[in-house]
Protein backbone atom coordinates (compact mmCIF):
# COMPACT_ATOMS: atom_id res chain seq x y z
CA UNK A 1 153.39 183.03 79.45
CA UNK A 2 154.43 186.46 78.11
CA UNK A 3 153.21 189.72 79.66
CA UNK A 4 150.60 190.34 76.95
CA UNK A 5 149.21 186.86 77.45
CA UNK A 6 149.01 187.53 81.18
CA UNK A 7 147.01 190.69 80.64
CA UNK A 8 144.60 189.02 78.23
CA UNK A 9 144.02 186.27 80.80
CA UNK A 10 143.49 188.85 83.55
CA UNK A 11 141.01 190.77 81.45
CA UNK A 12 138.72 187.78 80.92
CA UNK A 13 139.13 186.00 84.25
CA UNK A 14 138.99 189.01 86.57
CA UNK A 15 136.62 191.42 84.87
CA UNK A 16 133.88 188.86 85.79
CA UNK A 17 131.93 188.07 87.88
CA UNK A 18 133.52 184.65 87.51
CA UNK A 19 130.95 181.83 88.03
CA UNK A 20 131.65 179.05 90.55
CA UNK A 21 128.86 176.47 90.68
CA UNK A 22 128.19 174.35 93.75
CA UNK A 23 127.04 171.02 92.34
CA UNK A 24 128.28 167.78 90.77
CA UNK A 25 130.00 164.72 92.27
CA UNK A 26 133.33 166.46 92.90
CA UNK A 27 131.66 169.24 94.88
CA UNK A 28 129.15 167.01 96.68
CA UNK A 29 131.48 164.16 97.62
CA UNK A 30 132.32 165.95 100.87
CA UNK A 31 130.62 169.05 102.28
CA UNK A 32 133.10 171.68 103.48
CA UNK A 33 132.57 175.36 104.43
CA UNK A 34 133.32 178.06 101.79
CA UNK A 35 134.40 175.43 99.27
CA UNK A 36 135.03 176.67 95.73
CA UNK A 37 134.23 174.63 92.63
CA UNK A 38 137.36 172.72 91.56
CA UNK A 39 136.29 173.12 87.94
CA UNK A 40 136.41 176.91 88.34
CA UNK A 41 139.85 176.76 89.99
CA UNK A 42 141.12 174.51 87.20
CA UNK A 43 140.33 177.21 84.66
CA UNK A 44 142.44 179.72 86.61
CA UNK A 45 145.33 177.24 86.78
CA UNK A 46 145.15 176.32 83.09
CA UNK A 47 145.02 179.99 82.07
CA UNK A 48 147.77 181.22 84.40
CA UNK A 49 150.27 178.40 83.79
CA UNK A 50 151.83 176.26 81.09
CA UNK A 51 151.59 172.46 80.99
CA UNK A 52 154.08 170.99 83.47
CA UNK A 53 153.79 173.89 85.92
CA UNK A 54 153.99 173.43 89.68
CA UNK A 55 151.05 174.75 91.73
CA UNK A 56 150.80 175.49 95.45
CA UNK A 57 147.90 176.09 97.83
CA UNK A 58 148.94 176.98 101.42
CA UNK A 59 145.36 176.87 102.74
CA UNK A 60 144.20 173.69 101.03
CA UNK A 61 140.89 173.10 102.84
CA UNK A 62 139.29 169.94 101.48
CA UNK A 63 141.64 169.88 98.50
CA UNK A 64 139.81 171.81 95.77
CA UNK A 65 143.03 173.21 94.29
CA UNK A 66 144.55 169.72 94.20
CA UNK A 67 141.42 168.37 92.52
CA UNK A 68 141.61 171.26 90.06
CA UNK A 69 145.18 170.32 89.13
CA UNK A 70 143.97 166.80 88.40
CA UNK A 71 141.18 168.21 86.24
CA UNK A 72 143.65 170.29 84.21
CA UNK A 73 144.82 167.05 82.59
CA UNK A 74 141.26 165.75 82.09
CA UNK A 75 138.98 168.79 81.63
CA UNK A 76 135.26 168.21 81.94
CA UNK A 77 132.68 169.40 79.42
CA UNK A 78 131.64 172.07 81.92
CA UNK A 79 135.18 173.44 82.06
CA UNK A 80 135.48 173.59 78.27
CA UNK A 81 132.12 175.35 77.98
CA UNK A 82 133.10 177.89 80.64
CA UNK A 83 136.40 178.61 78.89
CA UNK A 84 134.55 179.22 75.64
CA UNK A 85 132.01 181.46 77.37
CA UNK A 86 134.76 183.56 78.98
CA UNK A 87 136.77 183.69 75.74
CA UNK A 88 139.94 182.33 77.32
CA UNK A 89 142.37 179.75 75.96
CA UNK A 90 143.39 177.41 78.79
CA UNK A 91 146.37 175.12 78.26
CA UNK A 92 144.98 171.78 79.39
CA UNK A 93 147.51 169.19 80.47
CA UNK A 94 149.55 167.71 83.29
CA UNK A 95 150.63 169.79 86.28
CA UNK A 96 151.98 168.94 89.72
CA UNK A 97 150.79 170.43 92.98
CA UNK A 98 151.62 170.57 96.66
CA UNK A 99 148.73 171.31 99.01
CA UNK A 100 149.26 172.32 102.64
CA UNK A 101 146.38 172.06 105.11
CA UNK A 102 146.39 172.29 108.90
CA UNK A 103 143.40 169.99 109.43
CA UNK A 104 144.24 166.25 109.17
CA UNK A 105 140.64 165.51 108.20
CA UNK A 106 140.46 168.15 105.46
CA UNK A 107 143.84 167.11 104.07
CA UNK A 108 142.67 163.50 103.96
CA UNK A 109 139.59 164.44 101.92
CA UNK A 110 141.64 165.85 99.06
CA UNK A 111 144.22 163.07 99.23
CA UNK A 112 141.55 160.35 99.06
CA UNK A 113 139.69 161.93 96.16
CA UNK A 114 142.87 162.55 94.17
CA UNK A 115 144.91 159.47 94.97
CA UNK A 116 142.56 156.51 95.50
CA UNK A 117 142.25 153.55 93.14
CA UNK A 118 138.62 153.36 91.99
CA UNK A 119 138.08 149.60 91.80
CA UNK A 120 139.62 148.95 95.21
CA UNK A 121 137.49 151.63 96.85
CA UNK A 122 134.38 150.36 95.08
CA UNK A 123 135.06 146.82 96.37
CA UNK A 124 135.60 147.77 100.01
CA UNK A 125 132.94 150.49 100.03
CA UNK A 126 130.31 147.93 99.05
CA UNK A 127 131.75 145.48 101.58
CA UNK A 128 131.51 148.08 104.36
CA UNK A 129 127.84 148.75 103.64
CA UNK A 130 127.05 145.04 103.57
CA UNK A 131 128.86 144.40 106.86
CA UNK A 132 127.19 147.35 108.63
CA UNK A 133 123.76 146.24 107.38
CA UNK A 134 124.37 142.73 108.69
CA UNK A 135 125.57 143.87 112.12
CA UNK A 136 123.32 146.83 112.95
CA UNK A 137 120.67 147.12 110.22
CA UNK A 138 117.99 145.74 112.52
CA UNK A 139 118.26 148.87 114.71
CA UNK A 140 116.34 150.77 112.03
CA UNK A 141 113.47 148.27 111.84
CA UNK A 142 110.02 149.75 112.54
CA UNK A 143 106.37 148.89 111.92
CA UNK A 144 104.58 150.65 109.08
CA UNK A 145 100.96 151.81 108.99
CA UNK A 146 99.72 148.25 108.34
CA UNK A 147 101.80 146.71 111.11
CA UNK A 148 104.41 145.22 108.74
CA UNK A 149 108.12 145.43 109.55
CA UNK A 150 109.82 148.11 107.48
CA UNK A 151 112.93 150.27 107.72
CA UNK A 152 113.25 153.79 109.08
CA UNK A 153 114.32 156.32 106.46
CA UNK A 154 114.43 159.14 108.97
CA UNK A 155 112.79 160.30 112.19
CA UNK A 156 111.94 163.90 113.03
CA UNK A 157 112.47 164.52 116.73
CA UNK A 158 110.91 167.45 118.58
CA UNK A 159 112.00 169.58 121.50
CA UNK A 160 109.51 170.23 124.30
CA UNK A 161 108.71 173.82 125.29
CA UNK A 162 107.12 175.10 128.52
CA UNK A 163 104.16 177.46 128.68
CA UNK A 164 105.34 180.52 130.65
CA UNK A 165 101.83 181.00 132.08
CA UNK A 166 100.91 177.56 133.45
CA UNK A 167 104.11 175.46 133.04
CA UNK A 168 102.37 173.02 130.71
CA UNK A 169 104.84 171.08 128.56
CA UNK A 170 104.08 171.30 124.83
CA UNK A 171 105.63 169.46 121.89
CA UNK A 172 107.35 172.10 119.75
CA UNK A 173 106.33 170.36 116.51
CA UNK A 174 102.65 170.46 117.46
CA UNK A 175 102.45 174.14 118.39
CA UNK A 176 105.08 175.82 116.18
CA UNK A 177 103.69 174.58 112.88
CA UNK A 178 100.72 175.45 110.73
CA UNK A 179 99.90 172.50 108.52
CA UNK A 180 97.75 173.96 105.73
CA UNK A 181 99.98 175.19 104.19
CA UNK A 182 102.98 173.90 106.14
CA UNK A 183 104.86 176.78 107.74
CA UNK A 184 106.50 177.76 111.00
CA UNK A 185 104.54 180.25 113.10
CA UNK A 186 105.81 182.70 115.69
CA UNK A 187 102.92 182.52 118.19
CA UNK A 188 100.62 179.80 119.48
CA UNK A 189 98.06 179.16 122.24
CA UNK A 190 98.75 176.88 125.16
CA UNK A 191 96.60 173.75 124.91
CA UNK A 192 95.93 173.91 128.65
CA UNK A 193 95.51 177.54 129.73
CA UNK A 194 94.82 178.97 126.24
CA UNK A 195 97.28 181.82 126.82
CA UNK A 196 99.21 183.17 123.84
CA UNK A 197 102.87 182.12 123.71
CA UNK A 198 105.68 183.75 121.74
CA UNK A 199 107.37 180.53 120.70
CA UNK A 200 110.93 181.84 120.27
CA UNK A 201 110.91 183.13 123.84
CA UNK A 202 109.39 180.02 125.44
CA UNK A 203 111.78 178.02 127.62
CA UNK A 204 112.76 174.50 126.62
CA UNK A 205 111.96 171.61 128.93
CA UNK A 206 114.94 169.91 130.53
CA UNK A 207 115.35 166.61 132.31
CA UNK A 208 117.86 164.10 133.65
CA UNK A 209 118.60 161.02 131.51
CA UNK A 210 120.88 158.05 131.90
CA UNK A 211 123.82 158.19 129.49
CA UNK A 212 124.89 154.59 128.70
CA UNK A 213 128.21 155.75 127.23
CA UNK A 214 129.23 157.77 130.28
CA UNK A 215 127.33 155.35 132.54
CA UNK A 216 125.80 158.12 134.63
CA UNK A 217 122.83 160.46 134.79
CA UNK A 218 123.25 163.73 132.89
CA UNK A 219 121.18 166.89 132.25
CA UNK A 220 119.59 167.01 128.79
CA UNK A 221 116.86 168.62 126.74
CA UNK A 222 113.56 166.80 126.61
CA UNK A 223 113.24 165.51 123.06
CA UNK A 224 110.87 162.87 121.66
CA UNK A 225 110.11 161.36 118.22
CA UNK A 226 107.49 163.35 116.33
CA UNK A 227 107.17 161.79 112.89
CA UNK A 228 108.60 158.64 111.32
CA UNK A 229 109.33 158.17 107.62
CA UNK A 230 109.94 154.61 106.50
CA UNK A 231 110.05 152.12 103.66
CA UNK A 232 108.62 148.61 103.44
CA UNK A 233 109.83 146.81 100.36
CA UNK A 234 109.60 149.53 97.73
CA UNK A 235 106.74 151.39 99.39
CA UNK A 236 107.62 154.60 101.20
CA UNK A 237 105.37 155.68 104.04
CA UNK A 238 105.11 158.12 106.91
CA UNK A 239 103.23 158.35 110.19
CA UNK A 240 103.28 160.22 113.47
CA UNK A 241 105.27 158.60 116.27
CA UNK A 242 103.38 156.83 119.06
CA UNK A 243 104.16 155.92 122.64
CA UNK A 244 104.97 152.41 121.37
CA UNK A 245 107.68 153.88 119.13
CA UNK A 246 109.17 155.70 122.11
CA UNK A 247 109.09 152.49 124.12
CA UNK A 248 110.69 150.55 121.26
CA UNK A 249 113.53 153.06 120.97
CA UNK A 250 114.13 152.86 124.71
CA UNK A 251 114.12 149.07 124.56
CA UNK A 252 116.58 149.00 121.64
CA UNK A 253 119.06 151.39 123.21
CA UNK A 254 118.99 149.53 126.53
CA UNK A 255 120.11 146.34 124.75
CA UNK A 256 123.05 148.01 122.97
CA UNK A 257 126.57 147.59 124.32
CA UNK A 258 128.04 151.09 124.02
CA UNK A 259 131.50 150.00 125.15
CA UNK A 260 133.12 150.84 121.79
CA UNK A 261 131.61 154.34 121.50
CA UNK A 262 134.46 156.77 122.26
CA UNK A 263 134.21 159.06 125.27
CA UNK A 264 135.43 162.29 123.75
CA UNK A 265 134.74 165.67 125.35
CA UNK A 266 134.04 168.41 122.79
CA UNK A 267 136.35 171.42 123.02
CA UNK A 268 133.65 174.06 122.61
CA UNK A 269 134.72 177.54 121.55
CA UNK A 270 133.21 180.26 119.35
CA UNK A 271 130.40 178.07 118.07
CA UNK A 272 128.95 177.04 121.43
CA UNK A 273 125.40 178.23 122.08
CA UNK A 274 123.91 177.55 125.50
CA UNK A 275 120.39 177.33 124.08
CA UNK A 276 120.66 174.60 121.49
CA UNK A 277 123.84 172.89 122.74
CA UNK A 278 122.46 172.25 126.23
CA UNK A 279 123.42 168.75 127.33
CA UNK A 280 125.90 168.30 124.46
CA UNK A 281 129.31 168.06 126.08
CA UNK A 282 130.60 164.83 124.50
CA UNK A 283 130.93 163.62 120.93
CA UNK A 284 128.23 160.94 121.15
CA UNK A 285 125.72 163.49 122.47
CA UNK A 286 125.69 165.13 119.01
CA UNK A 287 123.74 162.04 117.88
CA UNK A 288 120.80 159.94 118.90
CA UNK A 289 122.13 156.95 120.83
CA UNK A 290 121.23 154.72 117.89
CA UNK A 291 123.25 156.71 115.38
CA UNK A 292 126.24 157.17 117.70
CA UNK A 293 126.40 153.39 118.01
CA UNK A 294 126.10 152.82 114.24
CA UNK A 295 128.93 155.26 113.47
CA UNK A 296 131.17 153.62 116.08
CA UNK A 297 130.41 150.18 114.62
CA UNK A 298 131.31 151.39 111.14
CA UNK A 299 134.61 152.89 112.32
CA UNK A 300 135.50 149.67 114.12
CA UNK A 301 134.64 147.63 111.03
CA UNK A 302 136.90 149.80 108.85
CA UNK A 303 139.82 149.01 111.18
CA UNK A 304 139.43 145.34 110.24
CA UNK A 305 140.06 146.00 106.53
CA UNK A 306 143.49 146.30 104.82
CA UNK A 307 145.46 149.32 106.08
CA UNK A 308 145.84 150.83 102.59
CA UNK A 309 142.06 151.29 102.18
CA UNK A 310 141.17 152.43 105.71
CA UNK A 311 141.84 156.13 105.10
CA UNK A 312 139.57 156.23 102.06
CA UNK A 313 136.77 154.36 103.84
CA UNK A 314 136.97 156.67 106.85
CA UNK A 315 136.74 159.73 104.62
CA UNK A 316 133.76 158.17 102.83
CA UNK A 317 131.99 157.42 106.13
CA UNK A 318 132.72 160.88 107.52
CA UNK A 319 131.52 162.53 104.30
CA UNK A 320 128.04 161.56 105.50
CA UNK A 321 128.62 161.74 109.24
CA UNK A 322 128.69 165.38 110.32
CA UNK A 323 126.32 166.66 107.65
CA UNK A 324 123.65 163.98 107.95
CA UNK A 325 124.14 161.55 110.85
CA UNK A 326 124.21 164.06 113.72
CA UNK A 327 121.45 166.03 115.41
CA UNK A 328 122.49 168.95 113.20
CA UNK A 329 120.51 167.37 110.37
CA UNK A 330 117.24 169.24 110.11
CA UNK A 331 114.02 170.02 108.22
CA UNK A 332 112.87 173.16 106.44
CA UNK A 333 109.37 174.24 105.46
CA UNK A 334 109.21 175.55 101.89
CA UNK A 335 106.37 177.55 100.41
CA UNK A 336 103.88 175.35 98.60
CA UNK A 337 105.22 172.08 99.98
CA UNK A 338 102.83 169.80 101.88
CA UNK A 339 105.54 168.30 104.06
CA UNK A 340 108.98 169.11 105.37
CA UNK A 341 112.07 169.11 103.19
CA UNK A 342 114.76 167.08 104.96
CA UNK A 343 118.24 168.49 104.63
CA UNK A 344 121.67 168.25 106.23
CA UNK A 345 123.61 170.33 108.73
CA UNK A 346 124.03 174.01 108.01
CA UNK A 347 127.61 174.55 106.77
CA UNK A 348 129.92 176.75 108.81
CA UNK A 349 127.95 176.48 112.06
CA UNK A 350 126.99 173.73 114.50
CA UNK A 351 123.31 174.53 114.80
CA UNK A 352 120.93 172.01 116.38
CA UNK A 353 117.33 172.92 115.60
CA UNK A 354 114.21 172.28 117.66
CA UNK A 355 113.30 169.63 115.06
CA UNK A 356 116.50 167.61 114.56
CA UNK A 357 116.39 164.67 112.16
CA UNK A 358 117.73 161.18 112.83
CA UNK A 359 118.59 159.64 109.45
CA UNK A 360 119.16 156.00 108.63
CA UNK A 361 122.95 156.06 108.21
CA UNK A 362 123.06 152.85 106.16
CA UNK A 363 120.56 154.13 103.58
CA UNK A 364 122.38 157.46 103.46
CA UNK A 365 125.77 155.87 102.89
CA UNK A 366 124.31 153.68 100.15
CA UNK A 367 123.18 156.81 98.28
CA UNK A 368 126.48 158.56 99.01
CA UNK A 369 128.62 155.71 97.68
CA UNK A 370 127.78 156.32 94.02
CA UNK A 371 128.64 160.04 94.33
CA UNK A 372 131.95 159.23 96.01
CA UNK A 373 132.86 156.62 93.39
CA UNK A 374 132.02 159.03 90.58
CA UNK A 375 134.27 161.69 92.11
CA UNK A 376 137.22 159.31 92.50
CA UNK A 377 136.69 157.89 89.03
CA UNK A 378 136.65 161.38 87.47
CA UNK A 379 140.17 162.03 88.79
CA UNK A 380 141.69 158.54 88.65
CA UNK A 381 142.96 158.68 85.06
CA UNK A 382 144.50 162.15 85.29
CA UNK A 383 148.25 162.36 84.70
CA UNK A 384 148.63 165.28 87.11
CA UNK A 385 150.29 164.55 90.45
CA UNK A 386 149.17 166.06 93.74
CA UNK A 387 150.87 165.83 97.13
CA UNK A 388 148.91 166.66 100.27
CA UNK A 389 150.83 167.80 103.35
CA UNK A 390 149.10 167.94 106.72
CA UNK A 391 150.82 170.84 108.37
CA UNK A 392 151.16 174.59 108.80
CA UNK A 393 151.78 176.83 105.81
CA UNK A 394 153.62 179.24 108.14
CA UNK A 395 156.70 177.05 107.81
CA UNK A 396 156.82 174.89 104.68
CA UNK A 397 159.53 172.72 103.22
CA UNK A 398 159.04 174.04 99.70
CA UNK A 399 162.28 175.12 98.01
CA UNK A 400 162.63 178.77 97.07
CA UNK A 401 161.33 179.92 93.70
CA UNK A 402 159.99 176.51 92.61
CA UNK A 403 156.30 177.35 92.33
CA UNK A 404 154.76 178.72 89.13
CA UNK A 405 151.30 179.61 90.44
CA UNK A 406 149.41 179.79 93.72
CA UNK A 407 145.65 179.61 94.08
CA UNK A 408 144.41 179.94 97.63
CA UNK A 409 141.31 180.65 99.69
CA UNK A 410 142.67 181.67 103.13
CA UNK A 411 140.55 181.87 106.31
CA UNK A 412 138.34 184.96 106.30
CA UNK A 413 139.31 186.34 109.72
CA UNK A 414 136.61 185.37 112.22
CA UNK A 415 134.19 184.14 109.55
CA UNK A 416 134.45 180.38 110.24
CA UNK A 417 136.45 178.63 113.01
CA UNK A 418 137.49 175.64 110.90
CA UNK A 419 139.12 173.68 113.72
CA UNK A 420 135.83 173.74 115.65
CA UNK A 421 133.78 172.77 112.61
CA UNK A 422 136.14 169.88 111.86
CA UNK A 423 136.32 168.60 115.43
CA UNK A 424 133.32 166.24 115.17
CA UNK A 425 134.74 164.42 112.15
CA UNK A 426 138.34 164.59 113.35
CA UNK A 427 137.42 162.98 116.66
CA UNK A 428 136.15 159.93 114.74
CA UNK A 429 139.03 160.12 112.25
CA UNK A 430 141.47 159.91 115.15
CA UNK A 431 143.60 163.00 114.43
CA UNK A 432 142.81 166.56 115.59
CA UNK A 433 143.91 169.93 114.25
CA UNK A 434 146.81 171.55 116.08
CA UNK A 435 145.37 175.04 116.59
CA UNK A 436 148.72 176.71 117.35
CA UNK A 437 149.20 177.95 113.79
CA UNK A 438 145.54 178.29 112.83
CA UNK A 439 145.24 181.60 111.00
CA UNK A 440 142.02 182.95 112.44
CA UNK A 441 140.48 185.67 114.60
CA UNK A 442 139.14 183.75 117.57
CA UNK A 443 138.64 184.93 121.17
CA UNK A 444 138.65 181.31 122.41
CA UNK A 445 142.22 181.02 121.12
CA UNK A 446 143.14 184.58 122.18
CA UNK A 447 143.77 185.46 118.56
CA UNK A 448 142.95 189.08 117.73
CA UNK A 449 142.89 190.83 114.37
CA UNK A 450 146.49 191.95 115.03
CA UNK A 451 147.60 188.35 115.57
CA UNK A 452 145.63 187.27 112.50
CA UNK A 453 147.54 189.82 110.42
CA UNK A 454 150.90 188.60 111.79
CA UNK A 455 150.04 184.99 110.99
CA UNK A 456 148.76 185.91 107.54
CA UNK A 457 151.97 187.87 106.88
CA UNK A 458 153.99 184.76 107.72
CA UNK A 459 151.87 182.78 105.28
CA UNK A 460 152.37 185.32 102.48
CA UNK A 461 156.11 185.38 103.18
CA UNK A 462 156.19 181.61 102.65
CA UNK A 463 154.22 182.06 99.44
CA UNK A 464 156.62 184.79 98.29
CA UNK A 465 159.66 182.59 98.95
CA UNK A 466 158.15 179.62 97.12
CA UNK A 467 156.92 181.55 94.06
CA UNK A 468 159.12 182.11 91.04
CA UNK A 469 159.87 185.74 90.20
CA UNK A 470 157.51 185.62 87.23
CA UNK A 471 154.90 183.56 89.05
CA UNK A 472 151.41 184.71 89.98
CA UNK A 473 149.02 184.15 92.87
CA UNK A 474 145.23 184.32 92.98
CA UNK A 475 143.72 184.95 96.42
CA UNK A 476 140.01 184.48 97.13
CA UNK A 477 138.78 186.54 100.07
CA UNK A 478 135.55 187.62 101.74
CA UNK A 479 134.77 189.80 104.74
CA UNK A 480 132.16 192.26 105.96
CA UNK A 481 134.72 193.89 108.29
CA UNK A 482 137.01 196.68 107.14
CA UNK A 483 139.61 195.77 109.78
CA UNK A 484 139.90 192.26 108.35
CA UNK A 485 140.32 193.65 104.84
CA UNK A 486 143.05 195.98 106.08
CA UNK A 487 144.78 193.07 107.82
CA UNK A 488 145.05 190.89 104.73
CA UNK A 489 146.00 193.76 102.42
CA UNK A 490 148.73 194.88 104.82
CA UNK A 491 149.94 191.29 105.06
CA UNK A 492 150.17 191.12 101.26
CA UNK A 493 152.07 194.41 101.06
CA UNK A 494 154.46 193.58 103.91
CA UNK A 495 155.32 190.32 102.14
CA UNK A 496 156.45 192.30 99.06
CA UNK A 497 153.46 191.36 96.93
CA UNK A 498 151.33 193.83 94.99
CA UNK A 499 147.66 193.49 94.07
CA UNK A 500 147.58 194.12 90.34
CA UNK A 501 144.03 192.98 89.56
CA UNK A 502 140.73 192.44 91.35
CA UNK A 503 137.63 190.50 90.41
CA UNK A 504 134.57 188.74 91.77
CA UNK A 505 134.00 185.03 92.29
CA UNK A 506 130.27 184.47 92.05
CA UNK A 507 129.28 181.41 94.08
CA UNK A 508 126.06 180.57 92.29
CA UNK A 509 124.43 179.22 95.47
CA UNK A 510 125.34 181.27 98.52
CA UNK A 511 126.53 179.42 101.60
CA UNK A 512 124.29 179.29 104.68
CA UNK A 513 126.64 181.66 106.46
CA UNK A 514 126.37 184.22 103.67
CA UNK A 515 122.58 183.93 103.54
CA UNK A 516 121.96 184.03 107.28
CA UNK A 517 124.63 186.44 108.51
CA UNK A 518 123.29 189.67 109.93
CA UNK A 519 125.44 191.42 107.34
CA UNK A 520 125.52 189.73 103.93
CA UNK A 521 128.39 190.11 101.46
CA UNK A 522 127.58 188.61 98.07
CA UNK A 523 130.37 186.66 96.39
CA UNK A 524 134.06 186.53 97.21
CA UNK A 525 136.69 188.96 95.96
CA UNK A 526 139.49 187.79 93.68
CA UNK A 527 142.92 189.35 94.15
CA UNK A 528 145.65 188.71 91.58
CA UNK A 529 149.02 189.42 93.19
CA UNK A 530 152.58 189.39 91.90
CA UNK A 531 156.06 190.04 93.22
CA UNK A 532 157.38 193.59 92.81
CA UNK A 533 154.67 194.48 90.32
CA UNK A 534 153.07 197.80 89.55
CA UNK A 535 149.41 198.12 90.45
CA UNK A 536 146.94 198.11 87.58
CA UNK A 537 143.51 199.71 87.77
CA UNK A 538 140.76 197.24 86.99
CA UNK A 539 137.62 199.39 86.73
CA UNK A 540 136.91 202.59 84.86
CA UNK A 541 135.15 205.03 87.19
CA UNK A 542 133.83 208.51 86.49
CA UNK A 543 135.63 210.05 89.43
CA UNK A 544 139.36 209.57 88.76
CA UNK A 545 141.33 210.05 91.97
CA UNK A 546 138.16 210.06 94.05
CA UNK A 547 138.43 209.74 97.81
CA UNK A 548 136.72 206.96 99.72
CA UNK A 549 133.36 208.67 100.21
CA UNK A 550 133.07 209.40 96.52
CA UNK A 551 133.85 205.75 95.78
CA UNK A 552 131.12 204.69 98.20
CA UNK A 553 128.54 206.94 96.57
CA UNK A 554 129.58 205.81 93.08
CA UNK A 555 129.25 202.14 94.11
CA UNK A 556 125.79 202.79 95.54
CA UNK A 557 124.67 204.62 92.41
CA UNK A 558 125.88 201.81 90.10
CA UNK A 559 124.22 198.88 91.88
CA UNK A 560 120.68 197.79 92.62
CA UNK A 561 121.53 195.93 95.82
CA UNK A 562 123.88 196.74 98.73
CA UNK A 563 125.84 193.47 98.61
CA UNK A 564 127.21 193.96 95.12
CA UNK A 565 127.72 197.67 95.81
CA UNK A 566 129.90 196.87 98.84
CA UNK A 567 131.98 194.51 96.71
CA UNK A 568 132.50 197.28 94.14
CA UNK A 569 133.57 199.61 96.94
CA UNK A 570 136.11 197.09 98.28
CA UNK A 571 137.62 196.39 94.86
CA UNK A 572 137.90 200.06 93.88
CA UNK A 573 139.57 200.95 97.19
CA UNK A 574 142.10 198.19 96.55
CA UNK A 575 142.67 199.28 92.97
CA UNK A 576 143.27 202.89 94.04
CA UNK A 577 145.31 202.08 97.18
CA UNK A 578 142.72 203.77 99.38
CA UNK A 579 142.43 202.44 102.93
CA UNK A 580 139.18 200.54 103.50
CA UNK A 581 137.40 202.01 106.51
CA UNK A 582 133.70 201.11 106.08
CA UNK A 583 132.27 197.87 107.43
CA UNK A 584 129.47 196.35 105.37
CA UNK A 585 126.93 197.32 108.06
CA UNK A 586 127.94 201.00 107.86
CA UNK A 587 127.98 200.87 104.05
CA UNK A 588 124.48 199.37 103.92
CA UNK A 589 123.10 202.20 106.05
CA UNK A 590 124.41 204.68 103.49
CA UNK A 591 123.00 202.60 100.66
CA UNK A 592 119.57 202.50 102.31
CA UNK A 593 119.60 206.24 103.02
CA UNK A 594 120.42 207.11 99.41
CA UNK A 595 118.11 204.57 97.78
CA UNK A 596 115.10 205.40 99.95
């Protein structure tokens, strides 16, 4: 593409905000933290490169860039509509790509979605569900309200809390909820002594239980079934759990042979929380005993199928596992709803709520299968070719100056410890991340911001060596910490790249981490970088040559909320080569002071 074409592309793609939706089969096939829509990435690739170009992503994650390369040869209606809306002219057609990713599990996700034969997967996926149903389906049998045998859809379990005044044990679900309308409350009265209790400060009840996997007694939280949701024939029903249900669960789990459930000790790090991870030291303790057994049965069954399909089936199984089969699955109470909304694990954390949900894995996989098939089928007829390499991008085997374009979404400092998030699935997959080269700020790994910058510089040096002299690179980045921003910008500069354009990637639905962080940063920044290029200003501001404080005040004046204002501040500092010194928390204080 000539220089004028490059600038026209930059104007429309980077003067955004650029929309990145979080829906559809390709996005929902496998949940992964900070994932970007492959359809959005495909538009960047098709606008920045010619047909036949070679694309590279050094931080591949779950393979979105690889999926995007596949989509370039078979653009969806959504992609065509977005191109028209943005007034860009993408060159749809075949590309090739090489995707590096440190996590074996994440690398497998992209490889399976991009390089699996649809009919074969469909055949063995259906076979897996049938075999699991035959072998362990009876574990989910339960009596409905009329005494007929039905199937569990899901069970809400409840922690037990202790009254600080009289030591009475109280079911969390019975005291922490107001039912008309349904909502969580912060205070309740003890049913025994009638004293007021601040629920968040009440201690949890603990006990000793026999662990049939470890074959010994262990400390654990007290947790009992609260409400059961089932189906009999086509009739869905719900009822509160009874003592008979508790007895039935105990009876079922005592009959199970847990010999094939792996004994794997979790390597807790940054994400460990003493409060809600109490008693969770091993992999199987992230589940109810029933669900740990069902997952192990499914893994063992997959090993009996042809070797060429095992990887795809494991990825399919694990696409449901961590998000929905563990105790991290949960409920939320939404305004106006009469009952709970059941949802999956919160992405980017390993939170176990006081009302964890045990889902019927077989029913969940049956629903998931159609989404997975649709995703594979969407990519199966693409002429583009994608190679996935499980390994470190700090030392690649890519020949010098052979890459036309790089699109990458590197780790955001200490934002998410990916190796910890992936550990649950990787333990079942049978291959764990080697953390040596993980580019992250993480005290558990003794990796400081200085080390993060050194590792990121190595990564950008590899990118610089691989990229052709006229090639371009789009970097997606997000941080509420000025030090992290300085680290990545210094890494870019020390690798002989220059930021020549900035923009905003607008993730239409914010991730849990963005919504629930103490300091919110809306959207991710887009950085267009080139080799030995002159910086180009992206935004017209009133104060030409303004220092940082003037930029801060201008950003505050131009925006109605602090999140977008902070993004404007970051981008303008980058455009003007001004060192970023304000964390989002400090910036928001200034915003609040001026606005109020």
